[in-house]
Amino acid sequence: MDEPNHSKPSPSSSPSSAYQALVRAGPRLKQLQQVHAHLITNGTHLTLSLLTKLAILAYSSNSSITYARKFSLSIKNPDSYLFNSLIRISSKLGLLYDAISLYRRMLFSLIPPSSYTFTSVIKSCADVSAFKLGKIVHSHVVVNGFGLDSFVQASLVAFYAKCGEIVFARKVFDKMTERSVVAWNAMISGYEQNGFSKDAIDLFDLLMASSCVRPDSATFVGVLSACAQLGALELGCWTHDYITDHGFKVNVVLGTALINMYARCGDVRKAREVFDVMREKNVVAWTAMISGYGIHGYGKEALDVYNLMRRYGVSPNEVTFVAVLSACAHSVMVDEGRALFSSMRKNHGVVPGMEHHVCMVDLLGRAGLLNEAYDYIRGLKKPSPAIWTAMLGACKMHKNFDLGVEAAEKLLAMEPENPGHYVMLSNVYALAGNMERVEKVRNVMIKKRLKKHVGYSTIEVDQRTYLFSMGDKSHPETNEIYSYLDELMRKICEVGYVSARESVLHELEEEEQEFALRYHSEKLALAFGLMKAKSESAIRIVKNLRMCEDCHLAIKFISSITNREIIVRDKLRFHHFKDGLCSCADCW
């Protein structure tokens, strides 16, 4: 039985009563259609404003876009307000092609677009990264005289940034005579989302030096995300203090950004403090905390947060399961991981995707269950390269060279131009003592002109981030850094350190290998950090690639002889070095 119709229009046929009937109907399709039919059958004078209201509500219902489209097409002699309203609502709902179609109709109707038109159309292009279409709209912006409109410019900055065209975004930003906080935020988040976190921080410094614009919560979300990428804990802490001191409300978005920043900068305890005081927590915030524990190797704590989330009635999503399964993998919690994976579809209706399968292969592989992991892969319809990468890493860890070679060959067949796969295969052959095969891999790389991905490490000192690459001599204190590192290496050799030469690509000659190992980027960053940081503080380093075995071994020794805590975040996880031991238990 249908619910009573509380939106039935009054018998009056006046436009005002009809408008009130539409308001009462709201964005509910059935009631809207009833009002629409009543207006037609009773001969109500359908004014353009009334039709516009009905069209807006029809789009807002999102129940029958077909009805909304047909109705909007039936409106005769539309005006700019109608078009702008419908373009804006289409953009808001993510209906890009509706927004573009309406924009084209507007142009064909010879109705001049306004700044409101362009901001909505450009936002639609940005949301789906429609770069070519957005550039055409940009040309329309210029032709129609809105090239210097601050709202349109801010939309263009966001559009180019979301499309990954950060140079174009900065050109538009630099041409702005008046920059709102929206424009600053678009440029800062654009840098951060495209991997240019240092530029995001530099731009934030310019904003703070400006007396014209005050940052808002969105500004800090972008800055904290940039700090998370760089591992810039000092700047992240300063930003947190600024937020607190200036009375900004820590909503769920800003709180999640703080959790992510602290976790990815190596201070998971502080991340938990922020999490615990948050009044509102959505699934994204819970997932951020689970992920934070997971990347630090605290699998039990990650699972505790997951169980707490369930007790609070928050349903996990696909990303949550990636986070908690990854946490189980890093802590080698096999039974727990299996139970979670089994519960995904059965208890939560979440269909396992490729990332979840990667986690399961990683979990089984790290536990040494290589045959089970291999059988698991064989049961998948189309294993992704990430699946075989996890398998190869496990084979290398447990020195199963036969399976390792097979996994590497699968990877090379799928991604023949990825130099990382050749490097891994080379290292597997080297560990197996098959130098003839190492030479063949080396020759293939030379023939294909493939080179290793460039590794670099960053370290923050006095709120400034310094970057080092292997053999880097660009720092003004290079001589002092190298001298200090040489002394560290001499000291750890005296207490038992022996270099692990299999960590370097075997295209290097033997005399070059010692140099390549000694002056890896994380060792240079560590030497600089020990020279500059306060004696009681932990040293925090971020590396863009997986840390090699030699650096891992050397830093364990260095943590012991210097009596310092050293925290390194590599591509896979955090390593907490203290007293000659690492939190990963040499399993990463």
Protein backbone atom coordinates (compact mmCIF):
# COMPACT_ATOMS: atom_id res chain seq x y z
CA MET A 1 0.00 0.00 0.00
CA ASP A 2 1.37 3.42 -0.98
CA GLU A 3 2.18 5.99 1.69
CA PRO A 4 -0.25 8.92 1.99
CA ASN A 5 0.57 11.64 -0.53
CA HIS A 6 1.36 14.69 1.56
CA SER A 7 2.61 16.58 -1.50
CA LYS A 8 -0.69 16.82 -3.34
CA PRO A 9 -1.13 20.34 -4.69
CA SER A 10 -3.98 22.52 -3.49
CA PRO A 11 -6.99 23.07 -5.76
CA SER A 12 -5.81 26.59 -6.47
CA SER A 13 -4.27 26.97 -9.90
CA SER A 14 -2.15 30.03 -9.07
CA PRO A 15 1.60 29.91 -9.76
CA SER A 16 2.37 30.60 -6.09
CA SER A 17 0.34 27.62 -4.85
CA ALA A 18 1.89 25.45 -7.55
CA TYR A 19 5.36 26.56 -6.45
CA GLN A 20 4.50 25.66 -2.84
CA ALA A 21 3.33 22.24 -4.01
CA LEU A 22 6.69 21.69 -5.70
CA VAL A 23 8.54 22.71 -2.55
CA ARG A 24 6.48 20.22 -0.53
CA ALA A 25 7.18 17.48 -3.07
CA GLY A 26 10.90 18.05 -2.85
CA PRO A 27 13.30 15.82 -4.83
CA ARG A 28 10.95 12.80 -4.73
CA LEU A 29 10.25 11.57 -8.21
CA LYS A 30 6.74 10.14 -7.75
CA GLN A 31 5.45 13.24 -5.97
CA LEU A 32 7.11 15.52 -8.55
CA GLN A 33 5.43 13.66 -11.38
CA GLN A 34 2.09 13.93 -9.61
CA VAL A 35 2.51 17.70 -9.22
CA HIS A 36 3.66 17.99 -12.83
CA ALA A 37 0.59 16.08 -14.08
CA HIS A 38 -1.72 18.17 -11.90
CA LEU A 39 -0.27 21.39 -13.28
CA ILE A 40 -0.80 20.23 -16.86
CA THR A 41 -4.32 18.83 -16.41
CA ASN A 42 -5.51 21.87 -14.45
CA GLY A 43 -4.12 24.32 -16.95
CA THR A 44 -1.92 26.12 -14.46
CA HIS A 45 0.10 28.93 -16.01
CA LEU A 46 3.54 27.32 -16.16
CA THR A 47 5.96 30.19 -15.73
CA LEU A 48 9.63 29.77 -16.55
CA SER A 49 10.57 30.10 -12.87
CA LEU A 50 8.10 27.32 -12.02
CA LEU A 51 9.48 25.09 -14.77
CA THR A 52 13.01 25.82 -13.59
CA LYS A 53 12.13 24.78 -10.06
CA LEU A 54 10.56 21.56 -11.31
CA ALA A 55 13.57 20.78 -13.53
CA ILE A 56 16.01 21.37 -10.65
CA LEU A 57 14.02 19.07 -8.34
CA ALA A 58 13.77 16.44 -11.09
CA TYR A 59 17.57 16.38 -11.45
CA SER A 60 18.02 16.43 -7.67
CA SER A 61 15.85 13.34 -7.26
CA ASN A 62 18.51 11.34 -9.09
CA SER A 63 15.87 8.59 -9.40
CA SER A 64 15.10 9.03 -13.08
CA ILE A 65 17.65 11.08 -14.97
CA THR A 66 15.81 10.18 -18.17
CA TYR A 67 12.68 11.97 -16.91
CA ALA A 68 14.73 14.99 -15.86
CA ARG A 69 16.45 15.16 -19.25
CA LYS A 70 13.22 14.86 -21.22
CA PHE A 71 11.54 17.48 -19.08
CA SER A 72 14.40 19.96 -19.43
CA LEU A 73 14.35 19.49 -23.22
CA SER A 74 10.62 20.24 -23.31
CA ILE A 75 11.02 23.70 -21.80
CA LYS A 76 10.59 26.36 -24.46
CA ASN A 77 12.55 29.62 -24.47
CA PRO A 78 14.91 28.74 -21.59
CA ASP A 79 16.91 31.55 -20.00
CA SER A 80 20.39 31.80 -18.46
CA TYR A 81 19.09 31.13 -14.95
CA LEU A 82 17.55 27.82 -16.07
CA PHE A 83 20.70 26.71 -17.85
CA ASN A 84 23.03 27.77 -15.02
CA SER A 85 20.83 26.06 -12.42
CA LEU A 86 20.70 22.79 -14.34
CA ILE A 87 24.40 22.86 -15.23
CA ARG A 88 25.26 23.46 -11.57
CA ILE A 89 23.06 20.63 -10.27
CA SER A 90 24.37 18.27 -12.97
CA SER A 91 27.93 19.11 -12.01
CA LYS A 92 27.16 18.60 -8.34
CA LEU A 93 25.69 15.16 -9.05
CA GLY A 94 28.64 14.15 -11.23
CA LEU A 95 26.59 14.13 -14.43
CA LEU A 96 29.36 15.48 -16.64
CA TYR A 97 27.72 14.80 -19.97
CA ASP A 98 24.46 16.37 -18.85
CA ALA A 99 26.37 19.47 -17.78
CA ILE A 100 28.22 19.62 -21.12
CA SER A 101 25.04 18.93 -23.12
CA LEU A 102 23.23 21.74 -21.29
CA TYR A 103 26.19 24.02 -21.87
CA ARG A 104 26.10 23.29 -25.60
CA ARG A 105 22.34 23.90 -25.72
CA MET A 106 22.97 27.19 -23.96
CA LEU A 107 25.46 28.23 -26.63
CA PHE A 108 23.18 27.11 -29.48
CA SER A 109 20.36 29.12 -27.88
CA LEU A 110 22.62 32.18 -28.15
CA ILE A 111 22.43 32.71 -24.39
CA PRO A 112 25.77 34.11 -23.22
CA PRO A 113 27.47 32.05 -20.49
CA SER A 114 28.40 33.67 -17.18
CA SER A 115 31.05 33.00 -14.58
CA TYR A 116 28.56 30.68 -12.86
CA THR A 117 28.25 28.71 -16.10
CA PHE A 118 31.99 28.27 -16.50
CA THR A 119 32.75 27.35 -12.89
CA SER A 120 30.20 24.51 -13.03
CA VAL A 121 31.24 23.24 -16.48
CA ILE A 122 34.93 23.36 -15.58
CA LYS A 123 34.24 21.50 -12.32
CA SER A 124 32.50 18.75 -14.32
CA CYS A 125 35.51 18.42 -16.59
CA ALA A 126 37.81 18.32 -13.56
CA ASP A 127 35.83 15.60 -11.79
CA VAL A 128 36.35 13.16 -14.67
CA SER A 129 39.73 14.52 -15.83
CA ALA A 130 38.32 15.49 -19.24
CA PHE A 131 41.44 17.40 -20.24
CA LYS A 132 40.73 18.05 -23.93
CA LEU A 133 37.17 19.13 -23.27
CA GLY A 134 38.29 21.35 -20.42
CA LYS A 135 40.82 23.09 -22.63
CA ILE A 136 38.07 23.87 -25.12
CA VAL A 137 35.98 25.36 -22.32
CA HIS A 138 39.05 27.35 -21.22
CA SER A 139 39.22 28.86 -24.71
CA HIS A 140 35.52 29.78 -24.40
CA VAL A 141 36.35 31.45 -21.08
CA VAL A 142 38.91 33.69 -22.77
CA VAL A 143 36.73 34.45 -25.80
CA ASN A 144 33.80 35.43 -23.58
CA GLY A 145 35.91 37.76 -21.47
CA PHE A 146 36.10 35.77 -18.23
CA GLY A 147 39.84 35.04 -18.37
CA LEU A 148 40.52 37.26 -15.36
CA ASP A 149 37.46 36.27 -13.32
CA SER A 150 38.83 35.03 -9.98
CA PHE A 151 36.14 32.34 -9.53
CA VAL A 152 36.64 30.96 -13.03
CA GLN A 153 40.44 31.06 -12.62
CA ALA A 154 40.21 29.13 -9.35
CA SER A 155 38.11 26.50 -11.13
CA LEU A 156 40.70 26.28 -13.91
CA VAL A 157 43.51 25.81 -11.40
CA ALA A 158 41.61 22.90 -9.82
CA PHE A 159 40.77 21.47 -13.25
CA TYR A 160 44.35 21.41 -14.52
CA ALA A 161 45.63 20.06 -11.21
CA LYS A 162 43.10 17.21 -11.17
CA CYS A 163 44.08 16.34 -14.74
CA GLY A 164 47.73 16.10 -13.66
CA GLU A 165 48.69 19.16 -15.71
CA ILE A 166 50.35 20.93 -12.81
CA VAL A 167 52.39 23.31 -15.00
CA PHE A 168 49.20 24.64 -16.63
CA ALA A 169 47.60 24.95 -13.20
CA ARG A 170 50.49 27.05 -11.91
CA LYS A 171 50.42 29.29 -15.00
CA VAL A 172 46.76 30.11 -14.38
CA PHE A 173 47.46 30.59 -10.66
CA ASP A 174 50.36 32.98 -11.30
CA LYS A 175 48.22 35.12 -13.63
CA MET A 176 45.57 35.68 -10.97
CA THR A 177 45.49 39.26 -9.65
CA GLU A 178 43.23 38.30 -6.74
CA ARG A 179 43.65 34.85 -5.23
CA SER A 180 40.96 33.53 -2.93
CA VAL A 181 41.71 30.82 -0.39
CA VAL A 182 39.92 28.44 -2.80
CA ALA A 183 42.56 29.14 -5.45
CA TRP A 184 45.41 28.67 -2.97
CA ASN A 185 43.87 25.41 -1.78
CA ALA A 186 43.42 24.13 -5.33
CA MET A 187 47.07 24.77 -6.13
CA ILE A 188 48.40 23.34 -2.84
CA SER A 189 46.29 20.18 -3.08
CA GLY A 190 47.14 19.94 -6.79
CA TYR A 191 50.85 19.85 -5.99
CA GLU A 192 50.32 17.30 -3.22
CA GLN A 193 48.05 15.00 -5.24
CA ASN A 194 50.50 14.98 -8.15
CA GLY A 195 53.48 14.06 -5.97
CA PHE A 196 55.02 17.54 -5.67
CA SER A 197 54.70 17.82 -1.91
CA LYS A 198 57.76 20.05 -1.51
CA ASP A 199 56.16 22.56 -3.89
CA ALA A 200 52.93 22.31 -1.90
CA ILE A 201 54.80 23.23 1.28
CA ASP A 202 56.64 26.10 -0.44
CA LEU A 203 53.32 27.48 -1.68
CA PHE A 204 51.84 27.16 1.80
CA ASP A 205 54.74 29.24 3.11
CA LEU A 206 53.86 31.93 0.55
CA LEU A 207 50.25 31.84 1.67
CA MET A 208 51.22 32.25 5.31
CA ALA A 209 53.47 35.17 4.39
CA SER A 210 50.55 36.86 2.59
CA SER A 211 48.39 39.25 4.57
CA CYS A 212 45.50 39.06 2.09
CA VAL A 213 44.26 35.50 2.61
CA ARG A 214 43.70 33.41 5.73
CA PRO A 215 44.03 29.63 5.45
CA ASP A 216 41.01 27.43 6.14
CA SER A 217 40.47 23.78 7.02
CA ALA A 218 40.88 22.68 3.40
CA THR A 219 44.28 24.41 3.30
CA PHE A 220 45.47 22.36 6.25
CA VAL A 221 44.16 19.11 4.80
CA GLY A 222 46.36 19.69 1.74
CA VAL A 223 49.39 20.73 3.81
CA LEU A 224 49.05 17.80 6.21
CA SER A 225 48.80 15.40 3.25
CA ALA A 226 51.99 16.92 1.83
CA CYS A 227 53.70 16.50 5.22
CA ALA A 228 52.58 12.86 5.23
CA GLN A 229 54.17 12.27 1.83
CA LEU A 230 57.45 13.89 2.86
CA GLY A 231 57.56 12.52 6.38
CA ALA A 232 57.80 16.13 7.58
CA LEU A 233 56.77 15.57 11.18
CA GLU A 234 58.04 18.89 12.54
CA LEU A 235 56.03 20.90 10.04
CA GLY A 236 53.04 18.63 10.60
CA CYS A 237 53.23 19.24 14.36
CA TRP A 238 53.54 23.00 13.78
CA THR A 239 50.47 22.88 11.54
CA HIS A 240 48.54 20.94 14.20
CA ASP A 241 49.49 23.54 16.81
CA TYR A 242 48.38 26.34 14.47
CA ILE A 243 45.02 24.64 13.95
CA THR A 244 44.54 24.35 17.71
CA ASP A 245 45.79 27.82 18.60
CA HIS A 246 43.59 29.54 16.00
CA GLY A 247 40.41 27.74 16.96
CA PHE A 248 39.83 25.68 13.85
CA LYS A 249 37.27 22.93 14.31
CA VAL A 250 38.82 19.52 13.77
CA ASN A 251 36.07 17.91 11.71
CA VAL A 252 36.25 14.36 10.41
CA VAL A 253 38.15 15.37 7.24
CA LEU A 254 40.78 17.42 9.05
CA GLY A 255 41.04 14.85 11.85
CA THR A 256 41.63 12.08 9.33
CA ALA A 257 44.34 14.18 7.66
CA LEU A 258 46.04 14.57 11.06
CA ILE A 259 45.85 10.82 11.74
CA ASN A 260 47.33 10.07 8.34
CA MET A 261 50.09 12.67 8.78
CA TYR A 262 51.21 11.41 12.19
CA ALA A 263 51.03 7.75 11.15
CA ARG A 264 52.97 8.27 7.92
CA CYS A 265 55.51 10.48 9.67
CA GLY A 266 56.31 7.71 12.14
CA ASP A 267 54.41 8.84 15.26
CA VAL A 268 51.56 6.34 15.45
CA ARG A 269 51.05 7.10 19.17
CA LYS A 270 50.16 10.70 18.35
CA ALA A 271 47.92 9.50 15.52
CA ARG A 272 45.98 7.44 18.05
CA GLU A 273 45.67 10.47 20.37
CA VAL A 274 44.05 12.47 17.58
CA PHE A 275 41.81 9.54 16.71
CA ASP A 276 40.63 9.08 20.28
CA VAL A 277 39.56 12.72 20.75
CA MET A 278 37.66 12.94 17.46
CA ARG A 279 33.94 13.32 18.16
CA GLU A 280 32.89 12.16 14.71
CA LYS A 281 34.51 9.18 13.02
CA ASN A 282 33.46 7.85 9.64
CA VAL A 283 34.77 4.74 7.91
CA VAL A 284 37.61 6.77 6.35
CA ALA A 285 38.89 7.86 9.77
CA TRP A 286 38.70 4.32 11.17
CA THR A 287 40.50 2.99 8.09
CA ALA A 288 43.24 5.62 8.42
CA MET A 289 43.94 4.48 11.98
CA ILE A 290 43.94 0.80 10.99
CA SER A 291 46.30 1.55 8.10
CA GLY A 292 48.55 3.62 10.37
CA TYR A 293 49.04 0.70 12.73
CA GLY A 294 49.47 -1.70 9.82
CA ILE A 295 52.33 0.11 8.08
CA HIS A 296 54.19 0.22 11.39
CA GLY A 297 53.85 -3.53 11.83
CA TYR A 298 51.39 -3.30 14.73
CA GLY A 299 48.99 -5.93 13.44
CA LYS A 300 47.33 -6.68 16.78
CA GLU A 301 46.55 -3.00 17.37
CA ALA A 302 45.19 -2.65 13.82
CA LEU A 303 42.90 -5.63 14.40
CA ASP A 304 41.78 -4.19 17.75
CA VAL A 305 40.74 -0.94 16.03
CA TYR A 306 38.91 -2.92 13.34
CA ASN A 307 36.98 -4.87 15.96
CA LEU A 308 36.21 -1.65 17.86
CA MET A 309 34.89 -0.12 14.64
CA ARG A 310 32.54 -3.06 14.19
CA ARG A 311 31.28 -2.73 17.79
CA TYR A 312 30.46 0.92 17.07
CA GLY A 313 28.36 -0.22 14.13
CA VAL A 314 30.54 1.24 11.37
CA SER A 315 30.57 -0.98 8.29
CA PRO A 316 34.00 -1.62 6.71
CA ASN A 317 34.45 -0.93 3.00
CA GLU A 318 36.88 -2.21 0.37
CA VAL A 319 39.67 0.11 1.55
CA THR A 320 39.21 -0.94 5.17
CA PHE A 321 39.78 -4.56 4.26
CA VAL A 322 42.90 -3.68 2.28
CA ALA A 323 44.23 -1.87 5.36
CA VAL A 324 43.46 -4.62 7.87
CA LEU A 325 44.59 -7.48 5.59
CA SER A 326 47.83 -5.61 4.88
CA ALA A 327 48.31 -5.18 8.63
CA CYS A 328 47.87 -8.92 9.12
CA ALA A 329 50.39 -9.58 6.32
CA HIS A 330 53.06 -7.29 7.79
CA SER A 331 52.65 -8.95 11.19
CA VAL A 332 52.31 -12.46 9.70
CA MET A 333 48.91 -13.04 11.36
CA VAL A 334 47.79 -15.80 9.02
CA ASP A 335 44.72 -17.16 10.82
CA GLU A 336 43.36 -13.68 11.50
CA GLY A 337 43.90 -12.67 7.88
CA ARG A 338 42.14 -15.74 6.56
CA ALA A 339 39.15 -15.13 8.83
CA LEU A 340 38.88 -11.49 7.74
CA PHE A 341 39.09 -12.38 4.07
CA SER A 342 36.38 -15.01 4.52
CA SER A 343 34.11 -12.47 6.25
CA MET A 344 34.33 -9.89 3.47
CA ARG A 345 31.65 -11.21 1.17
CA LYS A 346 29.77 -13.37 3.68
CA ASN A 347 29.29 -10.81 6.46
CA HIS A 348 29.75 -7.44 4.75
CA GLY A 349 28.85 -7.93 1.10
CA VAL A 350 32.26 -6.72 -0.05
CA VAL A 351 33.49 -8.53 -3.16
CA PRO A 352 37.26 -9.15 -2.97
CA GLY A 353 39.18 -7.14 -5.53
CA MET A 354 42.71 -7.50 -6.84
CA GLU A 355 44.19 -5.49 -3.94
CA HIS A 356 42.67 -7.92 -1.45
CA HIS A 357 44.12 -10.85 -3.39
CA VAL A 358 47.53 -9.14 -3.30
CA CYS A 359 47.22 -8.90 0.49
CA MET A 360 46.41 -12.60 0.77
CA VAL A 361 49.36 -13.64 -1.40
CA ASP A 362 51.58 -11.31 0.64
CA LEU A 363 50.22 -12.77 3.89
CA LEU A 364 50.81 -16.38 2.85
CA GLY A 365 54.17 -15.56 1.27
CA ARG A 366 55.56 -13.76 4.30
CA ALA A 367 54.51 -16.70 6.46
CA GLY A 368 56.58 -18.99 4.24
CA LEU A 369 53.52 -20.75 2.82
CA LEU A 370 54.84 -20.34 -0.70
CA ASN A 371 53.15 -23.35 -2.26
CA GLU A 372 49.80 -22.28 -0.82
CA ALA A 373 50.38 -18.75 -2.10
CA TYR A 374 51.23 -20.15 -5.54
CA ASP A 375 48.09 -22.30 -5.59
CA TYR A 376 46.07 -19.25 -4.53
CA ILE A 377 47.40 -17.32 -7.53
CA ARG A 378 46.61 -20.20 -9.88
CA GLY A 379 43.01 -20.01 -8.67
CA LEU A 380 42.66 -16.41 -9.84
CA LYS A 381 41.29 -15.70 -13.30
CA LYS A 382 43.77 -13.01 -14.23
CA PRO A 383 46.48 -12.28 -11.64
CA SER A 384 47.76 -8.71 -11.79
CA PRO A 385 51.46 -7.76 -11.82
CA ALA A 386 51.10 -6.73 -8.16
CA ILE A 387 50.11 -10.34 -7.32
CA TRP A 388 53.27 -11.74 -8.89
CA THR A 389 55.38 -8.96 -7.31
CA ALA A 390 54.16 -10.03 -3.86
CA MET A 391 54.95 -13.64 -4.75
CA LEU A 392 58.42 -12.74 -6.00
CA GLY A 393 59.17 -10.76 -2.84
CA ALA A 394 58.16 -13.73 -0.69
CA CYS A 395 60.30 -16.11 -2.76
CA LYS A 396 63.29 -13.81 -2.38
CA MET A 397 62.66 -13.50 1.37
CA HIS A 398 62.49 -17.28 1.87
CA LYS A 399 65.11 -18.07 -0.81
CA ASN A 400 62.85 -20.24 -2.94
CA PHE A 401 64.65 -19.55 -6.19
CA ASP A 402 62.66 -21.86 -8.47
CA LEU A 403 59.33 -20.24 -7.65
CA GLY A 404 61.03 -16.85 -7.59
CA VAL A 405 62.29 -17.21 -11.14
CA GLU A 406 58.85 -18.35 -12.30
CA ALA A 407 57.20 -15.35 -10.63
CA ALA A 408 59.77 -12.98 -12.17
CA GLU A 409 59.24 -14.44 -15.63
CA LYS A 410 55.48 -13.99 -15.26
CA LEU A 411 56.09 -10.35 -14.37
CA LEU A 412 58.41 -9.79 -17.32
CA ALA A 413 55.82 -11.28 -19.68
CA MET A 414 53.19 -8.88 -18.34
CA GLU A 415 55.38 -5.77 -18.03
CA PRO A 416 58.47 -6.26 -20.21
CA GLU A 417 59.54 -2.61 -19.92
CA ASN A 418 59.51 -2.41 -16.11
CA PRO A 419 63.15 -2.26 -14.97
CA GLY A 420 62.23 -3.17 -11.40
CA HIS A 421 61.26 -6.68 -12.44
CA TYR A 422 64.65 -7.26 -14.09
CA VAL A 423 66.43 -6.01 -10.98
CA MET A 424 64.43 -8.40 -8.77
CA LEU A 425 65.13 -11.32 -11.12
CA SER A 426 68.80 -10.40 -11.18
CA ASN A 427 68.91 -10.43 -7.37
CA VAL A 428 67.13 -13.79 -7.20
CA TYR A 429 69.68 -15.31 -9.58
CA ALA A 430 72.53 -13.72 -7.60
CA LEU A 431 71.26 -15.13 -4.31
CA ALA A 432 71.06 -18.53 -5.98
CA GLY A 433 74.67 -18.16 -7.14
CA ASN A 434 73.71 -18.31 -10.82
CA MET A 435 75.93 -15.51 -12.11
CA GLU A 436 75.54 -16.61 -15.72
CA ARG A 437 71.84 -15.80 -15.52
CA VAL A 438 72.64 -12.53 -13.76
CA GLU A 439 74.78 -11.56 -16.73
CA LYS A 440 71.97 -12.43 -19.16
CA VAL A 441 69.51 -10.24 -17.27
CA ARG A 442 72.04 -7.44 -17.27
CA ASN A 443 72.52 -7.73 -21.04
CA VAL A 444 68.76 -7.66 -21.65
CA MET A 445 68.49 -4.45 -19.62
CA ILE A 446 71.33 -2.89 -21.60
CA LYS A 447 69.75 -3.93 -24.89
CA LYS A 448 66.36 -2.51 -23.85
CA ARG A 449 68.05 0.58 -22.37
CA LEU A 450 66.34 0.02 -19.06
CA LYS A 451 67.66 1.57 -15.86
CA LYS A 452 66.77 1.14 -12.22
CA HIS A 453 64.26 3.54 -10.76
CA VAL A 454 66.15 6.36 -9.10
CA GLY A 455 66.08 5.96 -5.35
CA TYR A 456 66.03 8.94 -3.04
CA SER A 457 65.54 9.62 0.63
CA THR A 458 64.26 12.67 2.47
CA ILE A 459 64.86 13.85 6.00
CA GLU A 460 63.40 16.82 7.85
CA VAL A 461 65.63 19.04 9.98
CA ASP A 462 64.34 22.26 11.56
CA GLN A 463 61.16 22.13 9.44
CA ARG A 464 63.17 21.93 6.22
CA THR A 465 63.14 18.82 4.06
CA TYR A 466 66.42 17.65 2.52
CA LEU A 467 66.63 15.16 -0.33
CA PHE A 468 69.51 12.75 -1.00
CA SER A 469 70.12 10.32 -3.86
CA MET A 470 72.79 7.61 -4.15
CA GLY A 471 76.25 9.19 -4.28
CA ASP A 472 74.66 12.64 -3.98
CA LYS A 473 77.19 15.49 -3.73
CA SER A 474 74.83 18.44 -4.20
CA HIS A 475 74.52 19.31 -0.51
CA PRO A 476 76.73 22.22 0.62
CA GLU A 477 78.01 20.08 3.52
CA THR A 478 78.83 17.07 1.32
CA ASN A 479 82.39 16.68 2.60
CA GLU A 480 81.29 16.67 6.23
CA ILE A 481 78.42 14.23 5.50
CA TYR A 482 80.68 11.77 3.65
CA SER A 483 83.36 11.99 6.30
CA TYR A 484 80.84 11.37 9.07
CA LEU A 485 79.29 8.43 7.19
CA ASP A 486 82.73 6.89 6.53
CA GLU A 487 83.43 7.07 10.26
CA LEU A 488 80.08 5.40 11.06
CA MET A 489 80.78 2.61 8.59
CA ARG A 490 84.24 2.08 10.04
CA LYS A 491 82.77 1.76 13.55
CA ILE A 492 80.06 -0.74 12.60
CA CYS A 493 82.60 -2.85 10.71
CA GLU A 494 84.54 -3.12 13.96
CA VAL A 495 81.50 -4.62 15.70
CA GLY A 496 80.61 -7.18 13.05
CA TYR A 497 78.93 -5.52 10.09
CA VAL A 498 79.70 -7.10 6.70
CA SER A 499 78.19 -5.55 3.56
CA ALA A 500 75.48 -7.46 1.70
CA ARG A 501 76.63 -7.02 -1.87
CA GLU A 502 73.67 -8.83 -3.35
CA SER A 503 71.69 -5.65 -2.62
CA VAL A 504 73.18 -3.80 -5.56
CA LEU A 505 72.31 -4.39 -9.19
CA HIS A 506 74.91 -6.76 -10.58
CA GLU A 507 75.61 -4.65 -13.63
CA LEU A 508 78.16 -2.88 -11.39
CA GLU A 509 81.75 -3.99 -11.24
CA GLU A 510 82.98 -5.25 -7.87
CA GLU A 511 84.92 -2.10 -7.02
CA GLU A 512 81.83 -0.01 -7.80
CA GLN A 513 79.58 -2.09 -5.58
CA GLU A 514 81.24 -0.95 -2.36
CA PHE A 515 80.71 2.71 -3.31
CA ALA A 516 77.09 2.07 -4.38
CA LEU A 517 76.31 0.34 -1.09
CA ARG A 518 78.07 2.78 1.22
CA TYR A 519 76.53 5.90 -0.27
CA HIS A 520 72.93 4.80 -0.70
CA SER A 521 70.51 7.66 -0.20
CA GLU A 522 69.20 6.53 3.17
CA LYS A 523 72.73 6.24 4.58
CA LEU A 524 73.55 9.79 3.45
CA ALA A 525 70.28 11.09 4.92
CA LEU A 526 70.98 9.24 8.16
CA ALA A 527 74.49 10.67 8.45
CA PHE A 528 73.15 14.19 7.89
CA GLY A 529 70.37 13.63 10.43
CA LEU A 530 72.77 12.36 13.08
CA MET A 531 74.98 15.38 12.49
CA LYS A 532 72.14 17.89 12.83
CA ALA A 533 69.36 16.50 14.99
CA LYS A 534 69.14 16.84 18.76
CA SER A 535 70.78 13.95 20.56
CA GLU A 536 67.58 12.72 22.22
CA SER A 537 65.31 12.86 19.18
CA ALA A 538 64.53 10.00 16.82
CA ILE A 539 65.87 10.20 13.26
CA ARG A 540 63.08 9.91 10.66
CA ILE A 541 63.82 9.12 7.01
CA VAL A 542 61.49 8.50 4.06
CA LYS A 543 62.65 6.44 1.07
CA ASN A 544 60.73 6.16 -2.21
CA LEU A 545 61.79 2.55 -2.90
CA ARG A 546 62.11 -0.62 -0.86
CA MET A 547 65.08 -0.44 1.50
CA CYS A 548 67.85 -2.82 0.44
CA GLU A 549 69.24 -5.56 2.68
CA ASP A 550 72.56 -3.80 3.16
CA CYS A 551 71.07 -0.52 4.34
CA HIS A 552 68.72 -2.42 6.63
CA LEU A 553 71.65 -4.30 8.15
CA ALA A 554 73.86 -1.23 8.43
CA ILE A 555 71.19 0.89 10.12
CA LYS A 556 70.59 -1.82 12.71
CA PHE A 557 74.26 -1.60 13.64
CA ILE A 558 74.23 2.22 13.56
CA SER A 559 71.22 2.35 15.90
CA SER A 560 73.22 0.26 18.35
CA ILE A 561 76.51 2.18 18.31
CA THR A 562 74.82 5.61 18.40
CA ASN A 563 72.14 4.60 20.92
CA ARG A 564 69.52 6.35 18.77
CA GLU A 565 66.10 5.38 17.53
CA ILE A 566 66.03 5.49 13.72
CA ILE A 567 62.74 5.32 11.86
CA VAL A 568 62.73 4.64 8.12
CA ARG A 569 59.62 4.58 5.97
CA ASP A 570 60.23 2.80 2.70
CA LYS A 571 57.84 1.90 -0.12
CA LEU A 572 56.39 -1.02 1.84
CA ARG A 573 56.32 -0.14 5.54
CA PHE A 574 57.98 1.51 8.54
CA HIS A 575 61.16 0.21 10.11
CA HIS A 576 61.80 1.19 13.72
CA PHE A 577 65.48 0.56 14.48
CA LYS A 578 66.60 0.52 18.09
CA ASP A 579 69.41 -1.21 19.99
CA GLY A 580 70.47 -3.13 16.90
CA LEU A 581 67.02 -4.54 16.14
CA CYS A 582 64.24 -3.64 13.70
CA SER A 583 60.49 -3.76 14.28
CA CYS A 584 60.00 -5.69 11.02
CA ALA A 585 62.02 -8.62 12.41
CA ASP A 586 63.98 -8.62 9.12
CA CYS A 587 60.78 -9.52 7.23
CA TRP A 588 59.77 -6.84 4.73
